[in-house]
């Protein structure tokens, strides 16, 4: 087969054609901003649209730093740049070098007006928000049956807690009749009865998400007795449903994480609580054991038998002390008696008799201490150390 080219060759040829086109190299395009995303790299990606068509746009960080216009969803702008093909995907897009703000798009004006009206009705009020149960057994899901959102919700739920039952009530989430389909699905799931409900879809343009801005969906969410988590689009997308719902999730995956508690984390918390309870019980038991020992010792000390034993021991101690003091007193008295006896013995007349002296008394036993008191032929008695003798005075010498 002649004239067969590779995909890369075709894309390169088309790129060359675009580069050679004078009009496409310097063109200004007016349209309404949709699907706007500011990338972390500094690049800006968005779509320009009008009533019948769309064109993908990119503005690199190097061009953005020279622009003071910050665009948002629904804004009407004029973008100046060049149209080129992105060879890898084979898609053309507008590479924006400069842009000018012209006004706000029609859909965005409708969105803002409806938001103000519903807010004035009190449908966004915090006092009507219902708490999301921490531990759910069943979760209702309102989304497309074949979209990426339901697959993300199933994957996240099965990973976090495979025991949670997911009940899908499929609805049309884009195009004509989508709002009524979503509202009907919400009412059916609310009547069925689940612990909470996720209402949402994946990302898209403001037109793609418009069903979630319709009043019929807002009223269905507001009237729902089941707590509702909205999960519409990407993190930067906001719809009326987000403001009415009890909780907003930036994405369907995040909604599943908010609705379904991580059972692994629960197991870890239960284990930590169990260990903490064991520690507290051990501390409590130890405190009770110490108190019991203190009370037992106090009771033992207060027992009559123990008190009697203490009194008996005290009496025995005092008796022993008394005996010791008496022995000490007796020894002291004995010592003093011995000293007195020694002094008395030294003064005794009998002690002098040991040195050859004699004790003289008259016939009546009275001591005779003067020779002048004697008379001749008087009878005297002499007492010696070893005995006594009677004598008669024959002569007195004075």
Foldseek 3Di string as FASTA:
>chain_A
DPPDDDLLVVQVVQQVVQVPDPDQAKDKDKFFWKPWDQDPQQKIWTWGDDDPDIFTEIEDNVLVVVAPDDDDGQWIKIFIGHWGAPSVVRGIHGHGNYMGTDGGHPVVVVLVVLLVVVVVVVLLPLVLFDDFDPAWQEEEEEEAPPAVLVVLLQVLQCQQPVRRHYHYDYAQQADPPRLVRRLVSLVVDLVVDTQAYEYEHEADICRSRVSQQDVSNLVSQSPRPHQYEYAYYAQSDDHSNCSNGSHYDRHSNRVSPRNHHRVVVVVVVVVVVVVVVVVVVVVVVVVVVVVVVVVVVVVCCVDPVNVVVVVVVVVVVVVVVVVVVVVVVVVVVVVVVVVVVVVVCVVDVLNVLVVVAWFKDFPVRHGDDDLVPDDAQGKMKIAHNVGIDIDGHHDGDD
